[in-house]
């Protein structure tokens, strides 16, 4: 298994090698040192989420000449031998940094269940609500003393933290072109602090009467919000500080500007940002819909990769482009494609990912995975490995038993090698 960063095995080796220097330290002290080392690496992740399920045929697994091709042609890219669907002309120039996986497979064809699966690595099950990917990354890589949220979701909400606690829930930004609501305090800093102290005093009786968890969560949210309001870091949410030419390069669409905001946030130290694009559930009239959906995502995605690379941030920032499943090989009677989890694609870049390659393949018609199937647990093992997070770590769940970050699956080692 690749050992860039520090995973669980690497951590155990470090404990053994450094035992002499850790005499007198307890296990919790050692765990704290490990967590601090992980945070010092300043790794981050930007998830570009295509809500609704993007068609693999119209994105990164076209089938030129096949009867399932549809009306979309394939185009050449900057990487010899890799062809993607037309309309992705900006991304086509950045494929040397992209690892495309064409052999993703799952069993979840329902939007809600598949979205949950592709955000947690677990299918939904009664009684257990699993923490989302963003919350786990925020907990592992975020700093408790950081003024900005550790998890930001732009253009829509994301899967929440569950039993990890509200501290690791997503901070939602609905419009990248204007700072979030209520980011400016209506009173002086001193008066705001006095109000917060009074709020804590008023809530103490509720906590004493059995509402300890509710009061703690409420106070955590208020403390996080107040720290952000009082911090000069809040300016990171204001895109007016960016040159017009750079903003134009991302595209002035909500998605493009959200990608720029995501770059600003990870550059400032936010460990995980999710940017959403909705409308990919193309059951009918697919091609006109995709001609509207693809251009802003194409431009924003490509500009994000180029900007991160130019700033030296791509080496430590994992970029993920994906949705909850793919679309059927056969075009239906409404000129669209239906849900198809059996074989779909996604793209990765940065944070040790070896670009300029395709992993896996579907058969000539795209009806099934033909080479190197990658399951959802495999994918999440790989994502956490890139970020240096122990995917076998067990968290105390809300059902009274430990729950692994990822159950089963293996790292897709080819992602990190040619």
Protein backbone atom coordinates (compact mmCIF):
# COMPACT_ATOMS: atom_id res chain seq x y z
CA UNK A 1 0.00 0.00 0.00
CA UNK A 2 1.25 3.45 -0.88
CA UNK A 3 2.63 5.28 2.13
CA UNK A 4 2.65 8.98 1.23
CA UNK A 5 1.64 10.94 4.31
CA UNK A 6 0.98 8.89 7.41
CA UNK A 7 -1.62 6.13 7.44
CA UNK A 8 -2.40 3.69 10.26
CA UNK A 9 0.49 1.33 9.48
CA UNK A 10 2.88 4.22 9.06
CA UNK A 11 1.71 5.63 12.37
CA UNK A 12 2.44 2.35 14.14
CA UNK A 13 5.92 2.27 12.61
CA UNK A 14 6.49 5.85 13.77
CA UNK A 15 5.43 4.89 17.27
CA UNK A 16 7.92 2.03 17.27
CA UNK A 17 10.75 4.05 15.78
CA UNK A 18 10.16 6.98 18.09
CA UNK A 19 9.37 5.09 21.27
CA UNK A 20 12.52 6.28 22.99
CA UNK A 21 11.52 9.90 22.44
CA UNK A 22 7.97 9.29 23.63
CA UNK A 23 8.78 7.76 27.01
CA UNK A 24 6.25 9.05 29.49
CA UNK A 25 3.68 9.85 26.79
CA UNK A 26 0.31 8.12 26.98
CA UNK A 27 -1.62 6.74 24.02
CA UNK A 28 -3.76 9.88 23.78
CA UNK A 29 -0.63 12.00 23.65
CA UNK A 30 0.70 9.91 20.79
CA UNK A 31 -2.60 10.10 18.94
CA UNK A 32 -2.54 13.87 19.33
CA UNK A 33 0.96 14.01 17.86
CA UNK A 34 -0.20 11.91 14.91
CA UNK A 35 -3.19 14.19 14.31
CA UNK A 36 -1.01 17.29 14.52
CA UNK A 37 1.43 15.80 11.99
CA UNK A 38 -1.45 15.07 9.62
CA UNK A 39 -2.73 18.64 9.89
CA UNK A 40 0.72 20.10 9.32
CA UNK A 41 0.74 18.49 5.88
CA UNK A 42 -2.15 20.89 5.03
CA UNK A 43 -3.85 18.46 2.70
CA UNK A 44 -7.26 19.45 1.43
CA UNK A 45 -10.04 18.22 -0.81
CA UNK A 46 -12.46 19.83 -3.26
CA UNK A 47 -15.42 17.66 -4.25
CA UNK A 48 -17.24 18.70 -7.42
CA UNK A 49 -20.59 16.98 -7.04
CA UNK A 50 -22.79 16.46 -10.14
CA UNK A 51 -26.19 15.95 -8.53
CA UNK A 52 -28.55 13.74 -10.51
CA UNK A 53 -26.07 11.33 -12.09
CA UNK A 54 -24.01 12.48 -15.10
CA UNK A 55 -23.95 10.32 -18.21
CA UNK A 56 -20.61 8.58 -18.72
CA UNK A 57 -21.23 8.59 -22.47
CA UNK A 58 -21.49 12.39 -22.52
CA UNK A 59 -18.59 12.97 -20.11
CA UNK A 60 -15.43 10.84 -19.88
CA UNK A 61 -16.33 7.44 -21.37
CA UNK A 62 -17.71 8.13 -24.85
CA UNK A 63 -18.30 5.21 -27.20
CA UNK A 64 -17.52 6.54 -30.70
CA UNK A 65 -19.06 4.37 -33.37
CA UNK A 66 -21.12 2.26 -30.96
CA UNK A 67 -24.90 2.10 -31.25
CA UNK A 68 -25.08 3.39 -27.68
CA UNK A 69 -23.00 6.48 -28.46
CA UNK A 70 -25.92 8.83 -28.84
CA UNK A 71 -25.49 12.20 -30.52
CA UNK A 72 -22.30 13.22 -28.69
CA UNK A 73 -18.94 12.86 -30.43
CA UNK A 74 -15.60 12.03 -28.81
CA UNK A 75 -12.72 14.51 -28.93
CA UNK A 76 -8.96 14.20 -28.44
CA UNK A 77 -7.32 15.57 -25.30
CA UNK A 78 -3.89 16.85 -24.28
CA UNK A 79 -3.03 13.26 -23.30
CA UNK A 80 -2.36 10.93 -26.24
CA UNK A 81 -4.82 8.04 -26.30
CA UNK A 82 -7.41 9.61 -24.02
CA UNK A 83 -10.63 10.80 -25.63
CA UNK A 84 -13.57 12.36 -23.83
CA UNK A 85 -16.96 13.65 -24.91
CA UNK A 86 -17.27 16.86 -26.85
CA UNK A 87 -18.29 20.03 -25.01
CA UNK A 88 -15.50 19.32 -22.47
CA UNK A 89 -12.97 21.35 -24.43
CA UNK A 90 -11.46 23.08 -21.38
CA UNK A 91 -11.05 19.87 -19.39
CA UNK A 92 -9.52 18.25 -22.48
CA UNK A 93 -6.54 20.59 -22.03
CA UNK A 94 -6.01 19.47 -18.41
CA UNK A 95 -6.12 15.68 -18.75
CA UNK A 96 -2.40 15.29 -18.02
CA UNK A 97 -3.39 15.99 -14.40
CA UNK A 98 -6.54 13.85 -14.45
CA UNK A 99 -7.01 10.21 -13.50
CA UNK A 100 -10.28 9.00 -15.04
CA UNK A 101 -11.89 5.89 -13.57
CA UNK A 102 -14.30 4.36 -16.10
CA UNK A 103 -15.16 1.22 -14.14
CA UNK A 104 -17.06 2.47 -11.10
CA UNK A 105 -19.88 0.13 -10.11
CA UNK A 106 -22.56 -0.04 -7.43
CA UNK A 107 -26.05 -1.39 -6.83
CA UNK A 108 -27.80 1.80 -5.79
CA UNK A 109 -29.96 3.28 -8.55
CA UNK A 110 -32.14 5.52 -6.37
CA UNK A 111 -31.01 9.15 -6.11
CA UNK A 112 -31.28 9.43 -2.35
CA UNK A 113 -29.68 6.10 -1.57
CA UNK A 114 -26.93 6.53 -4.16
CA UNK A 115 -26.12 10.07 -2.99
CA UNK A 116 -25.83 8.76 0.56
CA UNK A 117 -23.59 5.89 -0.62
CA UNK A 118 -21.29 8.16 -2.64
CA UNK A 119 -20.93 10.51 0.34
CA UNK A 120 -20.40 7.93 3.10
CA UNK A 121 -19.19 4.68 1.43
CA UNK A 122 -22.12 2.93 3.13
CA UNK A 123 -25.57 2.08 1.76
CA UNK A 124 -28.40 3.45 3.91
CA UNK A 125 -29.39 1.13 6.76
CA UNK A 126 -31.97 1.43 9.49
CA UNK A 127 -30.83 2.78 12.81
CA UNK A 128 -27.44 4.09 11.68
CA UNK A 129 -26.78 7.45 10.08
CA UNK A 130 -23.22 7.47 8.81
CA UNK A 131 -21.09 10.64 8.79
CA UNK A 132 -20.50 12.19 5.38
CA UNK A 133 -17.12 12.26 3.67
CA UNK A 134 -16.81 16.00 4.23
CA UNK A 135 -17.38 15.68 7.97
CA UNK A 136 -14.83 12.90 8.34
CA UNK A 137 -12.23 14.91 6.43
CA UNK A 138 -13.06 18.01 8.50
CA UNK A 139 -12.56 16.09 11.72
CA UNK A 140 -9.28 14.52 10.61
CA UNK A 141 -7.70 17.55 8.96
CA UNK A 142 -9.43 20.55 10.54
CA UNK A 143 -8.01 22.64 13.37
CA UNK A 144 -10.09 23.38 16.46
CA UNK A 145 -8.66 26.90 16.71
CA UNK A 146 -9.29 27.77 13.04
CA UNK A 147 -11.57 30.75 12.38
CA UNK A 148 -13.06 29.42 9.13
CA UNK A 149 -15.40 26.41 8.97
CA UNK A 150 -13.64 23.08 8.43
CA UNK A 151 -16.28 21.97 5.92
CA UNK A 152 -17.94 24.28 3.40
CA UNK A 153 -20.63 23.23 0.93
CA UNK A 154 -21.37 25.65 -1.92
CA UNK A 155 -24.61 25.83 -3.96
CA UNK A 156 -26.39 23.31 -1.77
CA UNK A 157 -26.29 21.25 1.44
CA UNK A 158 -24.29 18.06 1.81
CA UNK A 159 -24.51 14.89 3.89
CA UNK A 160 -24.03 15.84 7.53
CA UNK A 161 -21.81 14.76 10.41
CA UNK A 162 -24.23 12.42 12.21
CA UNK A 163 -22.68 11.22 15.49
CA UNK A 164 -19.44 13.15 14.89
CA UNK A 165 -21.27 16.27 16.07
CA UNK A 166 -22.35 19.62 14.67
CA UNK A 167 -18.80 20.96 14.84
CA UNK A 168 -18.08 19.00 11.64
CA UNK A 169 -21.27 19.81 9.75
CA UNK A 170 -21.18 21.70 6.44
CA UNK A 171 -21.27 25.49 6.39
CA UNK A 172 -23.56 26.15 3.42
CA UNK A 173 -22.92 29.00 0.97
CA UNK A 174 -25.86 29.49 -1.38
CA UNK A 175 -24.37 32.21 -3.58
CA UNK A 176 -20.62 32.46 -4.23
CA UNK A 177 -20.97 35.99 -5.54
CA UNK A 178 -21.93 37.46 -2.19
CA UNK A 179 -20.70 36.78 1.34
CA UNK A 180 -22.90 34.48 3.43
CA UNK A 181 -25.80 36.09 5.26
CA UNK A 182 -25.20 37.52 8.73
CA UNK A 183 -21.41 37.40 8.35
CA UNK A 184 -21.17 40.96 9.67
CA UNK A 185 -22.00 41.54 13.32
CA UNK A 186 -24.81 44.10 13.89
CA UNK A 187 -23.15 45.19 17.15
CA UNK A 188 -19.62 45.88 18.37
CA UNK A 189 -17.27 42.97 19.05
CA UNK A 190 -17.36 43.59 22.80
CA UNK A 191 -21.15 43.67 22.86
CA UNK A 192 -21.35 40.48 20.81
CA UNK A 193 -19.10 38.70 23.31
CA UNK A 194 -21.25 39.90 26.21
CA UNK A 195 -24.36 38.54 24.46
CA UNK A 196 -22.68 35.17 23.98
CA UNK A 197 -21.70 35.04 27.65
CA UNK A 198 -25.30 35.83 28.62
CA UNK A 199 -26.59 33.10 26.29
CA UNK A 200 -24.34 30.55 27.99
CA UNK A 201 -25.65 31.57 31.41
CA UNK A 202 -29.27 31.29 30.25
CA UNK A 203 -28.68 27.81 28.80
CA UNK A 204 -27.04 26.34 31.91
CA UNK A 205 -30.38 25.42 33.60
CA UNK A 206 -31.47 23.54 30.46
CA UNK A 207 -28.23 21.56 30.47
CA UNK A 208 -28.66 20.73 34.15
CA UNK A 209 -32.17 19.40 33.45
CA UNK A 210 -30.91 16.81 30.97
CA UNK A 211 -30.39 18.72 27.72
CA UNK A 212 -26.60 18.58 27.89
CA UNK A 213 -26.06 17.41 24.31
CA UNK A 214 -28.53 19.88 22.81
CA UNK A 215 -27.02 22.80 24.72
CA UNK A 216 -23.48 21.73 23.80
CA UNK A 217 -24.38 21.52 20.09
CA UNK A 218 -26.13 24.89 20.23
CA UNK A 219 -23.19 26.55 21.94
CA UNK A 220 -20.75 24.95 19.50
CA UNK A 221 -22.64 26.43 16.55
CA UNK A 222 -22.77 29.87 18.14
CA UNK A 223 -19.08 29.76 19.08
CA UNK A 224 -18.07 28.76 15.54
CA UNK A 225 -20.25 31.46 14.01
CA UNK A 226 -18.99 34.14 16.38
CA UNK A 227 -15.38 33.22 15.72
CA UNK A 228 -15.99 33.56 11.98
CA UNK A 229 -17.86 36.87 12.34
CA UNK A 230 -15.08 38.34 14.48
CA UNK A 231 -12.25 37.07 12.27
CA UNK A 232 -10.50 38.91 9.42
CA UNK A 233 -10.53 35.51 7.66
CA UNK A 234 -14.19 36.15 6.79
CA UNK A 235 -12.93 38.14 3.79
CA UNK A 236 -12.10 34.83 2.15
CA UNK A 237 -15.77 34.58 1.19
CA UNK A 238 -15.60 37.84 -0.79
CA UNK A 239 -14.64 37.22 -4.42
CA UNK A 240 -14.35 40.94 -5.09
CA UNK A 241 -10.78 40.60 -3.85
CA UNK A 242 -9.89 38.52 -6.93
CA UNK A 243 -8.78 40.08 -10.25
CA UNK A 244 -11.53 40.31 -12.86
CA UNK A 245 -9.40 38.42 -15.37
CA UNK A 246 -9.06 35.46 -13.02
CA UNK A 247 -12.77 35.47 -12.27
CA UNK A 248 -13.46 35.46 -16.00
CA UNK A 249 -11.18 32.45 -16.47
CA UNK A 250 -13.39 30.42 -14.14
CA UNK A 251 -16.51 31.63 -15.91
CA UNK A 252 -19.02 33.99 -14.35
CA UNK A 253 -21.52 31.18 -13.77
CA UNK A 254 -22.47 30.24 -10.20
CA UNK A 255 -20.51 26.99 -10.59
CA UNK A 256 -17.41 28.68 -11.97
CA UNK A 257 -17.35 31.29 -9.22
CA UNK A 258 -17.96 28.54 -6.65
CA UNK A 259 -14.84 26.76 -7.89
CA UNK A 260 -12.88 29.98 -7.42
CA UNK A 261 -14.29 30.36 -3.90
CA UNK A 262 -13.31 26.75 -3.18
CA UNK A 263 -9.73 27.52 -4.21
CA UNK A 264 -9.67 30.59 -1.95
CA UNK A 265 -10.94 28.55 0.99
CA UNK A 266 -8.50 25.64 0.70
CA UNK A 267 -5.68 28.12 0.18
CA UNK A 268 -6.72 29.72 3.49
CA UNK A 269 -6.67 26.35 5.25
CA UNK A 270 -10.21 24.93 4.92
CA UNK A 271 -9.67 21.16 4.55
CA UNK A 272 -12.80 20.22 2.59
CA UNK A 273 -15.08 22.13 0.19
CA UNK A 274 -17.93 20.65 -1.82
CA UNK A 275 -19.23 22.46 -4.91
CA UNK A 276 -22.52 21.27 -6.38
CA UNK A 277 -23.94 21.32 -9.87
CA UNK A 278 -27.55 20.16 -10.16
CA UNK A 279 -29.76 19.05 -13.03
CA UNK A 280 -27.87 15.96 -14.25
CA UNK A 281 -30.92 13.67 -14.02
CA UNK A 282 -31.42 13.67 -17.79
CA UNK A 283 -34.29 11.22 -18.39
CA UNK A 284 -35.50 13.23 -21.37
CA UNK A 285 -34.28 15.76 -23.90
CA UNK A 286 -30.75 14.95 -22.77
CA UNK A 287 -28.55 16.66 -25.33
CA UNK A 288 -30.04 20.18 -25.05
CA UNK A 289 -29.88 19.89 -21.25
CA UNK A 290 -26.24 18.81 -21.31
CA UNK A 291 -25.34 21.61 -23.71
CA UNK A 292 -26.54 23.96 -20.97
CA UNK A 293 -25.05 22.05 -18.01
CA UNK A 294 -21.61 21.12 -19.30
CA UNK A 295 -20.00 24.45 -20.37
CA UNK A 296 -19.94 26.12 -16.91
CA UNK A 297 -18.72 22.92 -15.25
CA UNK A 298 -16.15 22.34 -17.98
CA UNK A 299 -14.74 25.85 -17.62
CA UNK A 300 -14.85 25.96 -13.84
CA UNK A 301 -13.35 22.48 -13.37
CA UNK A 302 -10.49 23.15 -15.80
CA UNK A 303 -9.74 26.61 -14.37
CA UNK A 304 -9.68 25.16 -10.86
CA UNK A 305 -7.09 22.55 -11.84
CA UNK A 306 -4.91 25.10 -13.64
CA UNK A 307 -5.15 27.66 -10.83
CA UNK A 308 -4.34 25.12 -8.10
CA UNK A 309 -1.38 23.87 -10.10
CA UNK A 310 -0.05 27.38 -10.79
CA UNK A 311 -0.18 28.20 -7.07
CA UNK A 312 1.50 24.95 -6.02
CA UNK A 313 -1.70 23.79 -4.29
CA UNK A 314 -2.56 20.82 -6.50
CA UNK A 315 0.17 18.74 -4.88
CA UNK A 316 -1.71 18.82 -1.58
CA UNK A 317 -5.31 19.24 -2.80
CA UNK A 318 -7.39 16.27 -3.92
CA UNK A 319 -9.96 17.24 -6.56
CA UNK A 320 -12.87 14.85 -7.16
CA UNK A 321 -15.44 15.11 -9.96
CA UNK A 322 -18.33 12.67 -9.60
CA UNK A 323 -22.06 12.06 -9.21
CA UNK A 324 -24.14 9.31 -7.66
CA UNK A 325 -24.29 6.98 -10.71
CA UNK A 326 -24.25 6.96 -14.51
CA UNK A 327 -26.89 6.70 -17.23
CA UNK A 328 -28.21 3.79 -19.25
CA UNK A 329 -26.41 2.80 -22.47
CA UNK A 330 -29.67 2.87 -24.41
CA UNK A 331 -31.30 6.21 -25.11
CA UNK A 332 -34.96 6.03 -24.09
CA UNK A 333 -38.04 7.12 -26.04
CA UNK A 334 -37.79 10.60 -24.53
CA UNK A 335 -34.29 11.11 -25.94
CA UNK A 336 -32.72 10.71 -22.52
CA UNK A 337 -30.93 8.12 -20.44
CA UNK A 338 -32.14 6.56 -17.20
CA UNK A 339 -30.34 5.59 -13.97
CA UNK A 340 -27.45 3.16 -14.35
CA UNK A 341 -25.27 2.35 -11.32
CA UNK A 342 -23.75 -0.78 -12.87
CA UNK A 343 -21.03 1.16 -14.73
CA UNK A 344 -20.15 4.84 -14.46
CA UNK A 345 -17.15 7.16 -14.38
CA UNK A 346 -15.45 9.84 -12.29
CA UNK A 347 -12.24 11.86 -12.34
CA UNK A 348 -9.53 12.59 -9.75
CA UNK A 349 -6.57 14.96 -9.64
CA UNK A 350 -3.93 16.22 -7.22
CA UNK A 351 -2.65 15.04 -3.83
CA UNK A 352 -0.46 12.29 -5.25
CA UNK A 353 -2.90 11.16 -7.96
CA UNK A 354 -1.05 10.13 -11.13
CA UNK A 355 -2.62 12.10 -13.96
CA UNK A 356 -2.82 11.39 -17.66
CA UNK A 357 -4.33 7.94 -17.25
CA UNK A 358 -7.55 5.97 -17.45
CA UNK A 359 -8.29 3.16 -14.99
CA UNK A 360 -10.73 0.41 -15.91
CA UNK A 361 -12.99 0.06 -18.90
CA UNK A 362 -16.51 -0.82 -19.89
CA UNK A 363 -17.36 -3.15 -22.77
CA UNK A 364 -17.77 -1.75 -26.31
CA UNK A 365 -21.43 -0.86 -25.72
CA UNK A 366 -20.89 0.43 -22.19
CA UNK A 367 -23.39 -2.04 -20.75
CA UNK A 368 -21.03 -3.49 -18.11
CA UNK A 369 -17.60 -3.08 -16.56
CA UNK A 370 -15.10 -5.11 -18.57
CA UNK A 371 -11.81 -4.30 -16.83
CA UNK A 372 -10.77 -3.41 -13.26
CA UNK A 373 -14.11 -2.90 -11.47
CA UNK A 374 -13.92 -0.30 -8.71
CA UNK A 375 -16.51 -0.45 -5.94
CA UNK A 376 -17.59 2.48 -3.80
CA UNK A 377 -15.65 1.18 -0.76
CA UNK A 378 -12.59 0.84 -3.03
CA UNK A 379 -13.03 4.46 -4.07
CA UNK A 380 -13.29 5.76 -0.52
CA UNK A 381 -10.27 3.77 0.64
CA UNK A 382 -8.40 5.47 -2.20
CA UNK A 383 -9.66 8.97 -1.40
CA UNK A 384 -8.79 8.69 2.28
CA UNK A 385 -5.39 7.20 1.40
CA UNK A 386 -4.63 10.24 -0.77
CA UNK A 387 -5.51 12.52 2.16
CA UNK A 388 -3.49 10.49 4.67
CA UNK A 389 -6.59 9.52 6.68
CA UNK A 390 -6.86 6.07 8.26
CA UNK A 391 -9.91 4.60 6.55
CA UNK A 392 -10.01 1.66 8.99
CA UNK A 393 -10.28 3.94 12.01
CA UNK A 394 -13.37 3.16 14.09
CA UNK A 395 -15.58 5.92 15.47
CA UNK A 396 -18.05 5.42 18.30
CA UNK A 397 -21.43 5.39 16.58
CA UNK A 398 -24.93 6.26 17.75
CA UNK A 399 -25.86 2.58 18.06
CA UNK A 400 -23.36 1.71 20.75
CA UNK A 401 -20.70 0.02 18.65
CA UNK A 402 -17.61 1.19 16.76
CA UNK A 403 -18.04 1.93 13.07
CA UNK A 404 -15.15 1.94 10.60
CA UNK A 405 -14.70 4.94 8.32
CA UNK A 406 -14.83 2.47 5.41
CA UNK A 407 -15.98 -1.13 5.74
CA UNK A 408 -14.24 -3.41 3.23
CA UNK A 409 -12.76 -2.27 -0.05
CA UNK A 410 -9.13 -1.80 -1.06
CA UNK A 411 -7.01 1.10 -2.24
CA UNK A 412 -6.90 1.41 -6.04
CA UNK A 413 -3.12 1.54 -6.18
CA UNK A 414 -3.05 2.40 -9.90
CA UNK A 415 -4.44 5.84 -9.02
CA UNK A 416 -1.01 6.70 -7.57
CA UNK A 417 1.19 5.11 -10.22
CA UNK A 418 1.48 4.97 -14.00
